[in-house]
N, C-alpha and C. Protein backbone atom coordinates (compact mmCIF):
# COMPACT_ATOMS: atom_id res chain seq x y z
N UNK A 1 -40.56 -3.49 -10.83
CA UNK A 1 -39.44 -3.65 -9.93
C UNK A 1 -39.67 -2.72 -8.73
N UNK A 2 -39.61 -3.29 -7.56
CA UNK A 2 -39.76 -2.49 -6.35
C UNK A 2 -38.46 -2.53 -5.56
N UNK A 3 -38.20 -1.45 -4.83
CA UNK A 3 -36.99 -1.43 -4.02
C UNK A 3 -37.31 -0.79 -2.67
N UNK A 4 -36.51 -1.19 -1.68
CA UNK A 4 -36.60 -0.57 -0.37
C UNK A 4 -35.20 -0.24 0.10
N UNK A 5 -35.08 0.93 0.71
CA UNK A 5 -33.77 1.36 1.17
C UNK A 5 -33.42 0.66 2.47
N UNK A 6 -32.25 0.08 2.50
CA UNK A 6 -31.75 -0.63 3.68
C UNK A 6 -30.86 0.29 4.52
N UNK A 7 -29.98 1.04 3.84
CA UNK A 7 -29.08 1.97 4.51
C UNK A 7 -29.09 3.29 3.74
N UNK A 8 -29.22 4.39 4.47
CA UNK A 8 -29.05 5.69 3.83
C UNK A 8 -27.58 6.08 3.97
N UNK A 9 -27.23 7.28 3.52
CA UNK A 9 -25.82 7.71 3.53
C UNK A 9 -25.24 7.71 4.93
N UNK A 10 -26.00 8.18 5.90
CA UNK A 10 -25.51 8.24 7.28
C UNK A 10 -25.27 6.84 7.84
N UNK A 11 -26.22 5.94 7.63
CA UNK A 11 -26.08 4.57 8.13
C UNK A 11 -24.95 3.84 7.42
N UNK A 12 -24.76 4.10 6.13
CA UNK A 12 -23.66 3.49 5.41
C UNK A 12 -22.33 3.96 5.99
N UNK A 13 -22.23 5.25 6.30
CA UNK A 13 -21.00 5.78 6.91
C UNK A 13 -20.71 5.14 8.26
N UNK A 14 -21.75 4.97 9.09
CA UNK A 14 -21.57 4.30 10.39
C UNK A 14 -21.11 2.86 10.20
N UNK A 15 -21.67 2.19 9.20
CA UNK A 15 -21.32 0.79 8.93
C UNK A 15 -19.86 0.68 8.53
N UNK A 16 -19.40 1.58 7.68
CA UNK A 16 -17.99 1.58 7.26
C UNK A 16 -17.08 1.83 8.46
N UNK A 17 -17.45 2.78 9.31
CA UNK A 17 -16.63 3.06 10.50
C UNK A 17 -16.57 1.84 11.43
N UNK A 18 -17.70 1.15 11.59
CA UNK A 18 -17.71 -0.05 12.44
C UNK A 18 -16.83 -1.15 11.84
N UNK A 19 -16.91 -1.33 10.52
CA UNK A 19 -16.04 -2.30 9.85
C UNK A 19 -14.57 -1.95 10.07
N UNK A 20 -14.24 -0.67 9.97
CA UNK A 20 -12.85 -0.23 10.18
C UNK A 20 -12.40 -0.58 11.59
N UNK A 21 -13.26 -0.35 12.59
CA UNK A 21 -12.91 -0.71 13.97
C UNK A 21 -12.67 -2.21 14.10
N UNK A 22 -13.52 -3.02 13.46
CA UNK A 22 -13.35 -4.48 13.53
C UNK A 22 -12.03 -4.90 12.88
N UNK A 23 -11.70 -4.29 11.75
CA UNK A 23 -10.44 -4.63 11.08
C UNK A 23 -9.27 -4.26 11.96
N UNK A 24 -9.29 -3.08 12.56
CA UNK A 24 -8.22 -2.64 13.46
C UNK A 24 -8.07 -3.61 14.63
N UNK A 25 -9.19 -4.00 15.24
CA UNK A 25 -9.16 -4.88 16.40
C UNK A 25 -8.62 -6.27 16.06
N UNK A 26 -8.79 -6.70 14.82
CA UNK A 26 -8.40 -8.07 14.45
C UNK A 26 -7.14 -8.15 13.60
N UNK A 27 -6.44 -7.04 13.43
CA UNK A 27 -5.23 -7.06 12.59
C UNK A 27 -4.10 -6.26 13.21
N UNK A 28 -3.92 -6.35 14.51
CA UNK A 28 -2.83 -5.66 15.19
C UNK A 28 -2.83 -4.17 14.88
N UNK A 29 -3.99 -3.57 15.00
CA UNK A 29 -4.10 -2.12 14.82
C UNK A 29 -3.96 -1.65 13.38
N UNK A 30 -4.11 -2.57 12.44
CA UNK A 30 -4.01 -2.19 11.03
C UNK A 30 -2.59 -2.21 10.49
N UNK A 31 -1.64 -2.65 11.30
CA UNK A 31 -0.25 -2.71 10.84
C UNK A 31 -0.06 -3.94 9.95
N UNK A 32 0.78 -3.79 8.94
CA UNK A 32 1.05 -4.85 7.96
C UNK A 32 -0.22 -5.32 7.26
N UNK A 33 -1.16 -4.39 7.07
CA UNK A 33 -2.41 -4.67 6.38
C UNK A 33 -2.41 -3.94 5.05
N UNK A 34 -2.93 -4.62 4.04
CA UNK A 34 -3.18 -4.01 2.75
C UNK A 34 -4.64 -4.25 2.42
N UNK A 35 -5.38 -3.18 2.16
CA UNK A 35 -6.77 -3.31 1.75
C UNK A 35 -6.80 -3.40 0.23
N UNK A 36 -7.52 -4.40 -0.28
CA UNK A 36 -7.63 -4.57 -1.73
C UNK A 36 -9.11 -4.61 -2.08
N UNK A 37 -9.55 -3.57 -2.77
CA UNK A 37 -10.96 -3.47 -3.15
C UNK A 37 -11.21 -4.10 -4.49
N UNK A 38 -12.25 -4.94 -4.53
CA UNK A 38 -12.65 -5.57 -5.78
C UNK A 38 -13.45 -4.54 -6.59
N UNK A 39 -13.05 -4.39 -7.86
CA UNK A 39 -13.76 -3.43 -8.71
C UNK A 39 -15.16 -3.94 -8.97
N UNK A 40 -16.14 -3.14 -8.91
CA UNK A 40 -16.15 -1.71 -8.99
C UNK A 40 -16.30 -1.06 -7.61
N UNK A 41 -17.28 -1.45 -6.84
CA UNK A 41 -17.58 -0.73 -5.61
C UNK A 41 -16.74 -1.14 -4.40
N UNK A 42 -16.05 -2.26 -4.49
CA UNK A 42 -15.17 -2.65 -3.38
C UNK A 42 -13.99 -1.70 -3.23
N UNK A 43 -13.54 -1.11 -4.34
CA UNK A 43 -12.40 -0.20 -4.28
C UNK A 43 -12.71 1.08 -3.50
N UNK A 44 -13.79 1.80 -3.82
CA UNK A 44 -14.08 2.99 -3.00
C UNK A 44 -14.39 2.63 -1.54
N UNK A 45 -14.97 1.46 -1.31
CA UNK A 45 -15.19 1.03 0.08
C UNK A 45 -13.85 0.83 0.78
N UNK A 46 -12.88 0.22 0.09
CA UNK A 46 -11.55 0.03 0.67
C UNK A 46 -10.90 1.38 0.98
N UNK A 47 -11.08 2.35 0.10
CA UNK A 47 -10.53 3.68 0.35
C UNK A 47 -11.17 4.31 1.59
N UNK A 48 -12.48 4.16 1.72
CA UNK A 48 -13.17 4.70 2.90
C UNK A 48 -12.71 4.00 4.17
N UNK A 49 -12.51 2.69 4.09
CA UNK A 49 -12.02 1.95 5.26
C UNK A 49 -10.62 2.43 5.65
N UNK A 50 -9.76 2.66 4.66
CA UNK A 50 -8.40 3.14 4.95
C UNK A 50 -8.45 4.51 5.62
N UNK A 51 -9.34 5.39 5.16
CA UNK A 51 -9.48 6.71 5.79
C UNK A 51 -9.96 6.57 7.23
N UNK A 52 -10.91 5.68 7.46
CA UNK A 52 -11.42 5.47 8.82
C UNK A 52 -10.34 4.88 9.73
N UNK A 53 -9.57 3.93 9.21
CA UNK A 53 -8.48 3.34 10.00
C UNK A 53 -7.44 4.40 10.34
N UNK A 54 -7.14 5.28 9.41
CA UNK A 54 -6.18 6.36 9.67
C UNK A 54 -6.69 7.26 10.79
N UNK A 55 -7.99 7.56 10.80
CA UNK A 55 -8.55 8.39 11.87
C UNK A 55 -8.53 7.66 13.21
N UNK A 56 -8.77 6.35 13.19
CA UNK A 56 -8.84 5.57 14.43
C UNK A 56 -7.46 5.33 15.02
N UNK A 57 -6.53 4.87 14.19
CA UNK A 57 -5.22 4.41 14.66
C UNK A 57 -4.06 5.30 14.27
N UNK A 58 -4.28 6.21 13.34
CA UNK A 58 -3.17 7.02 12.85
C UNK A 58 -2.22 6.23 11.96
N UNK A 59 -2.71 5.13 11.42
CA UNK A 59 -1.92 4.26 10.56
C UNK A 59 -2.38 4.42 9.12
N UNK A 60 -1.42 4.60 8.22
CA UNK A 60 -1.76 4.69 6.80
C UNK A 60 -1.76 3.29 6.21
N UNK A 61 -2.93 2.83 5.79
CA UNK A 61 -3.07 1.49 5.22
C UNK A 61 -3.11 1.61 3.70
N UNK A 62 -2.20 0.92 3.00
CA UNK A 62 -2.23 0.99 1.54
C UNK A 62 -3.51 0.36 0.99
N UNK A 63 -3.97 0.91 -0.14
CA UNK A 63 -5.19 0.44 -0.78
C UNK A 63 -4.90 0.10 -2.23
N UNK A 64 -5.32 -1.09 -2.63
CA UNK A 64 -5.19 -1.50 -4.02
C UNK A 64 -6.55 -1.79 -4.61
N UNK A 65 -6.56 -1.94 -5.93
CA UNK A 65 -7.80 -2.30 -6.62
C UNK A 65 -7.54 -3.55 -7.45
N UNK A 66 -8.56 -4.40 -7.54
CA UNK A 66 -8.40 -5.69 -8.18
C UNK A 66 -9.55 -5.94 -9.15
N UNK A 67 -9.20 -6.19 -10.40
CA UNK A 67 -10.20 -6.55 -11.41
C UNK A 67 -10.17 -8.08 -11.53
N UNK A 68 -11.34 -8.69 -11.44
CA UNK A 68 -11.42 -10.16 -11.47
C UNK A 68 -11.98 -10.69 -12.78
N UNK A 69 -12.17 -9.81 -13.77
CA UNK A 69 -12.83 -10.17 -15.02
C UNK A 69 -12.30 -11.43 -15.68
N UNK A 70 -10.99 -11.56 -15.76
CA UNK A 70 -10.41 -12.73 -16.44
C UNK A 70 -10.34 -13.97 -15.56
N UNK A 71 -10.71 -13.84 -14.30
CA UNK A 71 -10.64 -14.96 -13.37
C UNK A 71 -12.01 -15.57 -13.08
N UNK A 72 -13.03 -15.02 -13.71
CA UNK A 72 -14.40 -15.52 -13.48
C UNK A 72 -14.53 -16.95 -13.99
N UNK A 73 -15.39 -17.73 -13.33
CA UNK A 73 -15.56 -19.12 -13.74
C UNK A 73 -16.67 -19.30 -14.78
N UNK A 74 -17.24 -18.19 -15.25
CA UNK A 74 -18.31 -18.31 -16.24
C UNK A 74 -17.90 -17.77 -17.62
N UNK A 75 -16.61 -17.56 -17.85
CA UNK A 75 -16.16 -17.00 -19.13
C UNK A 75 -16.56 -17.86 -20.32
N UNK A 76 -16.49 -19.17 -20.16
CA UNK A 76 -16.82 -20.07 -21.27
C UNK A 76 -18.32 -20.06 -21.58
N UNK A 77 -19.12 -19.57 -20.66
CA UNK A 77 -20.58 -19.59 -20.83
C UNK A 77 -21.14 -18.22 -21.23
N UNK A 78 -20.26 -17.26 -21.40
CA UNK A 78 -20.70 -15.90 -21.74
C UNK A 78 -20.59 -15.68 -23.24
N UNK A 79 -21.47 -14.84 -23.76
CA UNK A 79 -21.39 -14.46 -25.17
C UNK A 79 -20.44 -13.30 -25.39
N UNK A 80 -20.22 -12.52 -24.36
CA UNK A 80 -19.33 -11.36 -24.47
C UNK A 80 -18.16 -11.52 -23.50
N UNK A 81 -17.09 -10.84 -23.82
CA UNK A 81 -15.94 -10.85 -22.92
C UNK A 81 -16.12 -9.75 -21.88
N UNK A 82 -15.66 -9.99 -20.66
CA UNK A 82 -15.78 -8.94 -19.65
C UNK A 82 -14.87 -7.76 -19.98
N UNK A 83 -15.30 -6.57 -19.58
CA UNK A 83 -14.41 -5.42 -19.76
C UNK A 83 -13.32 -5.53 -18.69
N UNK A 84 -12.11 -5.29 -19.09
CA UNK A 84 -10.98 -5.44 -18.19
C UNK A 84 -10.49 -4.05 -17.79
N UNK A 85 -10.38 -3.85 -16.51
CA UNK A 85 -9.87 -2.60 -15.97
C UNK A 85 -8.57 -2.90 -15.24
N UNK A 86 -7.69 -1.94 -15.15
CA UNK A 86 -6.39 -2.24 -14.54
C UNK A 86 -6.50 -2.50 -13.03
N UNK A 87 -5.83 -3.57 -12.62
CA UNK A 87 -5.63 -3.82 -11.20
C UNK A 87 -4.40 -3.06 -10.77
N UNK A 88 -4.35 -2.64 -9.54
CA UNK A 88 -3.18 -1.92 -9.04
C UNK A 88 -3.09 -2.13 -7.54
N UNK A 89 -2.04 -2.78 -7.11
CA UNK A 89 -1.77 -2.92 -5.69
C UNK A 89 -0.42 -2.25 -5.47
N UNK A 90 -0.40 -1.10 -4.78
CA UNK A 90 0.78 -0.24 -4.76
C UNK A 90 1.96 -0.72 -3.91
N UNK A 91 1.77 -1.80 -3.16
CA UNK A 91 2.85 -2.33 -2.32
C UNK A 91 2.88 -3.84 -2.48
N UNK A 92 3.98 -4.44 -2.05
CA UNK A 92 4.06 -5.89 -2.05
C UNK A 92 3.09 -6.45 -1.01
N UNK A 93 2.42 -7.53 -1.37
CA UNK A 93 1.52 -8.18 -0.41
C UNK A 93 2.18 -9.37 0.27
N UNK A 94 3.42 -9.68 -0.12
CA UNK A 94 4.14 -10.80 0.47
C UNK A 94 4.24 -10.63 1.99
N UNK A 95 3.74 -11.63 2.73
CA UNK A 95 3.83 -11.62 4.17
C UNK A 95 2.88 -10.68 4.88
N UNK A 96 2.01 -10.02 4.15
CA UNK A 96 1.06 -9.06 4.74
C UNK A 96 -0.29 -9.71 4.98
N UNK A 97 -1.11 -9.03 5.76
CA UNK A 97 -2.51 -9.40 5.88
C UNK A 97 -3.26 -8.60 4.83
N UNK A 98 -3.85 -9.30 3.89
CA UNK A 98 -4.63 -8.64 2.85
C UNK A 98 -6.10 -8.76 3.23
N UNK A 99 -6.77 -7.62 3.26
CA UNK A 99 -8.21 -7.62 3.48
C UNK A 99 -8.86 -7.31 2.14
N UNK A 100 -9.48 -8.34 1.56
CA UNK A 100 -10.25 -8.17 0.33
C UNK A 100 -11.54 -7.46 0.71
N UNK A 101 -11.93 -6.46 -0.07
CA UNK A 101 -13.13 -5.68 0.24
C UNK A 101 -14.08 -5.75 -0.95
N UNK A 102 -15.34 -6.09 -0.67
CA UNK A 102 -16.36 -6.11 -1.71
C UNK A 102 -17.64 -5.51 -1.14
N UNK A 103 -18.53 -5.10 -2.05
CA UNK A 103 -19.77 -4.49 -1.59
C UNK A 103 -20.79 -5.53 -1.14
N UNK A 104 -21.05 -6.55 -1.96
CA UNK A 104 -22.07 -7.55 -1.64
C UNK A 104 -21.49 -8.94 -1.82
N UNK A 105 -21.69 -9.79 -0.82
CA UNK A 105 -21.32 -11.19 -0.92
C UNK A 105 -22.59 -11.99 -1.18
N UNK A 106 -22.56 -12.76 -2.25
CA UNK A 106 -23.73 -13.54 -2.66
C UNK A 106 -23.31 -15.00 -2.78
N UNK A 107 -22.98 -15.47 -3.96
CA UNK A 107 -22.66 -16.89 -4.15
C UNK A 107 -21.25 -17.26 -3.70
N UNK A 108 -20.36 -16.28 -3.67
CA UNK A 108 -18.96 -16.54 -3.32
C UNK A 108 -18.06 -16.68 -4.54
N UNK A 109 -18.65 -16.70 -5.71
CA UNK A 109 -17.85 -16.91 -6.93
C UNK A 109 -16.92 -15.73 -7.24
N UNK A 110 -17.37 -14.52 -6.97
CA UNK A 110 -16.49 -13.36 -7.20
C UNK A 110 -15.30 -13.38 -6.25
N UNK A 111 -15.54 -13.79 -5.02
CA UNK A 111 -14.45 -13.86 -4.05
C UNK A 111 -13.45 -14.94 -4.46
N UNK A 112 -13.95 -16.08 -4.93
CA UNK A 112 -13.06 -17.13 -5.42
C UNK A 112 -12.18 -16.60 -6.55
N UNK A 113 -12.78 -15.87 -7.47
CA UNK A 113 -12.01 -15.28 -8.57
C UNK A 113 -10.99 -14.27 -8.04
N UNK A 114 -11.39 -13.49 -7.04
CA UNK A 114 -10.48 -12.49 -6.46
C UNK A 114 -9.28 -13.16 -5.79
N UNK A 115 -9.51 -14.28 -5.12
CA UNK A 115 -8.40 -15.01 -4.50
C UNK A 115 -7.40 -15.47 -5.56
N UNK A 116 -7.91 -15.99 -6.68
CA UNK A 116 -7.03 -16.40 -7.77
C UNK A 116 -6.24 -15.21 -8.31
N UNK A 117 -6.92 -14.09 -8.54
CA UNK A 117 -6.26 -12.90 -9.07
C UNK A 117 -5.22 -12.37 -8.08
N UNK A 118 -5.55 -12.38 -6.81
CA UNK A 118 -4.66 -11.86 -5.79
C UNK A 118 -3.33 -12.62 -5.76
N UNK A 119 -3.38 -13.92 -5.97
CA UNK A 119 -2.16 -14.73 -5.92
C UNK A 119 -1.17 -14.37 -7.03
N UNK A 120 -1.64 -13.71 -8.08
CA UNK A 120 -0.72 -13.23 -9.12
C UNK A 120 0.13 -12.06 -8.62
N UNK A 121 -0.26 -11.47 -7.50
CA UNK A 121 0.47 -10.32 -6.95
C UNK A 121 1.43 -10.70 -5.84
N UNK A 122 1.38 -11.93 -5.37
CA UNK A 122 2.30 -12.33 -4.31
C UNK A 122 1.67 -13.35 -3.38
N UNK A 123 2.37 -13.53 -2.25
CA UNK A 123 1.94 -14.53 -1.28
C UNK A 123 1.71 -13.87 0.08
N UNK A 124 0.45 -13.47 0.34
CA UNK A 124 0.16 -12.83 1.63
C UNK A 124 0.25 -13.84 2.77
N UNK A 125 0.49 -13.32 3.97
CA UNK A 125 0.51 -14.18 5.16
C UNK A 125 -0.89 -14.72 5.42
N UNK A 126 -1.89 -13.87 5.20
CA UNK A 126 -3.29 -14.28 5.37
C UNK A 126 -4.16 -13.35 4.54
N UNK A 127 -5.32 -13.87 4.20
CA UNK A 127 -6.31 -13.07 3.47
C UNK A 127 -7.59 -13.08 4.28
N UNK A 128 -8.14 -11.91 4.50
CA UNK A 128 -9.41 -11.75 5.19
C UNK A 128 -10.40 -11.13 4.22
N UNK A 129 -11.68 -11.31 4.48
CA UNK A 129 -12.71 -10.79 3.60
C UNK A 129 -13.62 -9.84 4.37
N UNK A 130 -13.76 -8.62 3.85
CA UNK A 130 -14.68 -7.64 4.42
C UNK A 130 -15.73 -7.31 3.37
N UNK A 131 -17.00 -7.40 3.76
CA UNK A 131 -18.09 -7.07 2.83
C UNK A 131 -19.05 -6.11 3.52
N UNK A 132 -19.60 -5.21 2.74
CA UNK A 132 -20.59 -4.29 3.28
C UNK A 132 -21.88 -5.04 3.58
N UNK A 133 -22.31 -5.92 2.65
CA UNK A 133 -23.57 -6.66 2.81
C UNK A 133 -23.33 -8.13 2.48
N UNK A 134 -23.78 -9.00 3.38
CA UNK A 134 -23.81 -10.44 3.12
C UNK A 134 -25.27 -10.81 2.94
N UNK A 135 -25.63 -11.24 1.72
CA UNK A 135 -27.04 -11.55 1.45
C UNK A 135 -27.33 -13.05 1.42
N UNK A 136 -26.34 -13.88 1.73
CA UNK A 136 -26.58 -15.32 1.78
C UNK A 136 -26.57 -15.96 0.41
N UNK A 137 -27.09 -17.18 0.32
CA UNK A 137 -27.21 -17.96 -0.92
C UNK A 137 -25.84 -18.40 -1.47
N UNK A 138 -24.93 -18.79 -0.59
CA UNK A 138 -23.60 -19.18 -1.01
C UNK A 138 -23.61 -20.45 -1.84
N UNK A 139 -22.79 -20.48 -2.88
CA UNK A 139 -22.59 -21.68 -3.70
C UNK A 139 -21.21 -22.28 -3.43
N UNK A 140 -20.33 -21.51 -2.85
CA UNK A 140 -18.97 -21.96 -2.52
C UNK A 140 -18.74 -21.76 -1.02
N UNK A 141 -17.83 -22.53 -0.43
CA UNK A 141 -17.61 -22.42 1.01
C UNK A 141 -16.75 -21.21 1.37
N UNK A 142 -17.34 -20.04 1.22
CA UNK A 142 -16.65 -18.78 1.50
C UNK A 142 -17.46 -18.03 2.55
N UNK A 143 -16.75 -17.54 3.57
CA UNK A 143 -17.41 -16.83 4.65
C UNK A 143 -16.62 -15.55 4.95
N UNK A 144 -17.31 -14.44 5.09
CA UNK A 144 -16.59 -13.18 5.37
C UNK A 144 -16.10 -13.11 6.81
N UNK A 145 -15.00 -12.39 7.00
CA UNK A 145 -14.46 -12.16 8.33
C UNK A 145 -15.07 -10.91 8.96
N UNK A 146 -15.42 -9.94 8.12
CA UNK A 146 -15.97 -8.67 8.57
C UNK A 146 -17.20 -8.37 7.73
N UNK A 147 -18.34 -8.19 8.39
CA UNK A 147 -19.61 -7.97 7.69
C UNK A 147 -20.26 -6.69 8.21
N UNK A 148 -20.62 -5.81 7.28
CA UNK A 148 -21.33 -4.61 7.66
C UNK A 148 -22.76 -4.89 8.05
N UNK A 149 -23.46 -5.66 7.22
CA UNK A 149 -24.86 -5.96 7.47
C UNK A 149 -25.22 -7.29 6.83
N UNK A 150 -25.86 -8.16 7.59
CA UNK A 150 -26.41 -9.40 7.05
C UNK A 150 -27.84 -9.11 6.61
N UNK A 151 -28.14 -9.47 5.38
CA UNK A 151 -29.47 -9.20 4.81
C UNK A 151 -29.99 -10.46 4.16
N UNK A 152 -30.88 -11.19 4.84
CA UNK A 152 -31.47 -12.37 4.21
C UNK A 152 -32.31 -11.92 3.01
N UNK A 153 -32.09 -12.55 1.88
CA UNK A 153 -32.82 -12.20 0.67
C UNK A 153 -33.40 -13.45 0.03
N UNK A 154 -34.35 -13.23 -0.84
CA UNK A 154 -34.87 -14.33 -1.65
C UNK A 154 -34.12 -14.30 -2.98
N UNK A 155 -34.15 -15.41 -3.72
CA UNK A 155 -33.48 -15.41 -5.02
C UNK A 155 -34.05 -14.37 -6.00
N UNK A 156 -35.28 -13.92 -5.77
CA UNK A 156 -35.88 -12.91 -6.64
C UNK A 156 -35.39 -11.50 -6.32
N UNK A 157 -34.69 -11.36 -5.22
CA UNK A 157 -34.21 -10.05 -4.80
C UNK A 157 -32.73 -9.89 -5.12
N UNK A 158 -32.33 -8.65 -5.26
CA UNK A 158 -30.91 -8.35 -5.38
C UNK A 158 -30.60 -7.21 -4.41
N UNK A 159 -29.35 -7.06 -4.08
CA UNK A 159 -28.92 -5.97 -3.21
C UNK A 159 -28.09 -5.02 -4.07
N UNK A 160 -28.48 -3.77 -4.03
CA UNK A 160 -27.82 -2.75 -4.83
C UNK A 160 -27.12 -1.77 -3.90
N UNK A 161 -25.80 -1.70 -3.99
CA UNK A 161 -25.03 -0.73 -3.22
C UNK A 161 -24.74 0.44 -4.14
N UNK A 162 -25.03 1.62 -3.68
CA UNK A 162 -24.72 2.84 -4.44
C UNK A 162 -23.74 3.66 -3.62
N UNK A 163 -22.65 4.04 -4.27
CA UNK A 163 -21.62 4.84 -3.62
C UNK A 163 -21.42 6.13 -4.41
N UNK A 164 -21.22 7.22 -3.69
CA UNK A 164 -21.08 8.52 -4.33
C UNK A 164 -19.98 8.53 -5.38
N UNK A 165 -18.87 7.83 -5.12
CA UNK A 165 -17.75 7.82 -6.05
C UNK A 165 -18.10 7.20 -7.40
N UNK A 166 -19.07 6.30 -7.40
CA UNK A 166 -19.45 5.57 -8.63
C UNK A 166 -20.83 6.00 -9.13
N UNK A 167 -21.76 6.14 -8.19
CA UNK A 167 -23.18 6.32 -8.53
C UNK A 167 -23.74 7.71 -8.22
N UNK A 168 -22.95 8.55 -7.57
CA UNK A 168 -23.42 9.88 -7.24
C UNK A 168 -24.22 9.97 -5.96
N UNK A 169 -24.43 8.88 -5.26
CA UNK A 169 -25.16 8.86 -3.99
C UNK A 169 -24.72 7.67 -3.17
N UNK A 170 -24.95 7.75 -1.87
CA UNK A 170 -24.68 6.64 -0.97
C UNK A 170 -25.99 6.02 -0.52
N UNK A 171 -26.07 4.70 -0.59
CA UNK A 171 -27.24 3.99 -0.11
C UNK A 171 -27.16 2.52 -0.46
N UNK A 172 -27.91 1.73 0.28
CA UNK A 172 -28.02 0.29 0.00
C UNK A 172 -29.50 -0.02 -0.12
N UNK A 173 -29.85 -0.74 -1.19
CA UNK A 173 -31.24 -1.03 -1.49
C UNK A 173 -31.42 -2.52 -1.76
N UNK A 174 -32.57 -3.04 -1.35
CA UNK A 174 -32.98 -4.39 -1.74
C UNK A 174 -34.00 -4.19 -2.86
N UNK A 175 -33.72 -4.80 -4.00
CA UNK A 175 -34.56 -4.64 -5.19
C UNK A 175 -35.22 -5.97 -5.48
N UNK A 176 -36.55 -5.96 -5.57
CA UNK A 176 -37.29 -7.17 -5.91
C UNK A 176 -37.65 -7.12 -7.39
N UNK A 177 -37.25 -8.17 -8.09
CA UNK A 177 -37.54 -8.26 -9.51
C UNK A 177 -39.00 -8.64 -9.68
N UNK A 178 -39.64 -8.03 -10.63
CA UNK A 178 -41.03 -8.35 -10.94
C UNK A 178 -41.08 -9.75 -11.54
N UNK A 179 -42.04 -10.53 -11.13
CA UNK A 179 -42.23 -11.86 -11.68
C UNK A 179 -43.10 -11.73 -12.92
N UNK A 180 -42.60 -12.26 -14.02
CA UNK A 180 -43.37 -12.20 -15.28
C UNK A 180 -44.60 -13.07 -15.17
N UNK A 181 -45.73 -12.50 -15.55
CA UNK A 181 -46.98 -13.24 -15.53
C UNK A 181 -47.34 -13.57 -16.97
N UNK A 182 -47.69 -14.81 -17.20
CA UNK A 182 -48.02 -15.27 -18.56
C UNK A 182 -49.26 -14.58 -19.12
N UNK A 183 -49.49 -14.72 -20.44
CA UNK A 183 -50.61 -14.04 -21.10
C UNK A 183 -51.96 -14.51 -20.65
């Protein structure tokens, strides 16, 4: 398995700040916005975005976390049940602009599950999608509104986001899986 670093800690920080500026510019300065981070790494990204928006606009944006485990479309095909972690959205999302936050957008299936889960919390005026990395290969018609970095990948590659809050370091890596060679 080989990997190459796409973003170091400094570049990741700049990317988050740029995303925060884009969100502010496209959501009336961050007013009536709720950031909802998809577990696991979308939640700390949402917290970082909220901090950046507070520095930019002086607006406190509520942050929630969303577990999509029970909303996945592959539950019937799995041998194990997903681990369920508590979702928590600290304010009503009714009539608000909800910005779903995730680390990597790939097939779109996680976002579809997040949309289903989000509707259990209320009826937002609109839902926007912010992702740190869009790696392509969509299987569903889902497109992000805010993208930190577009990274064309092959199906043999994966994108690994590491955040200090979860992984002890900040960085984004493209990891190429070794191809098994027959005997």
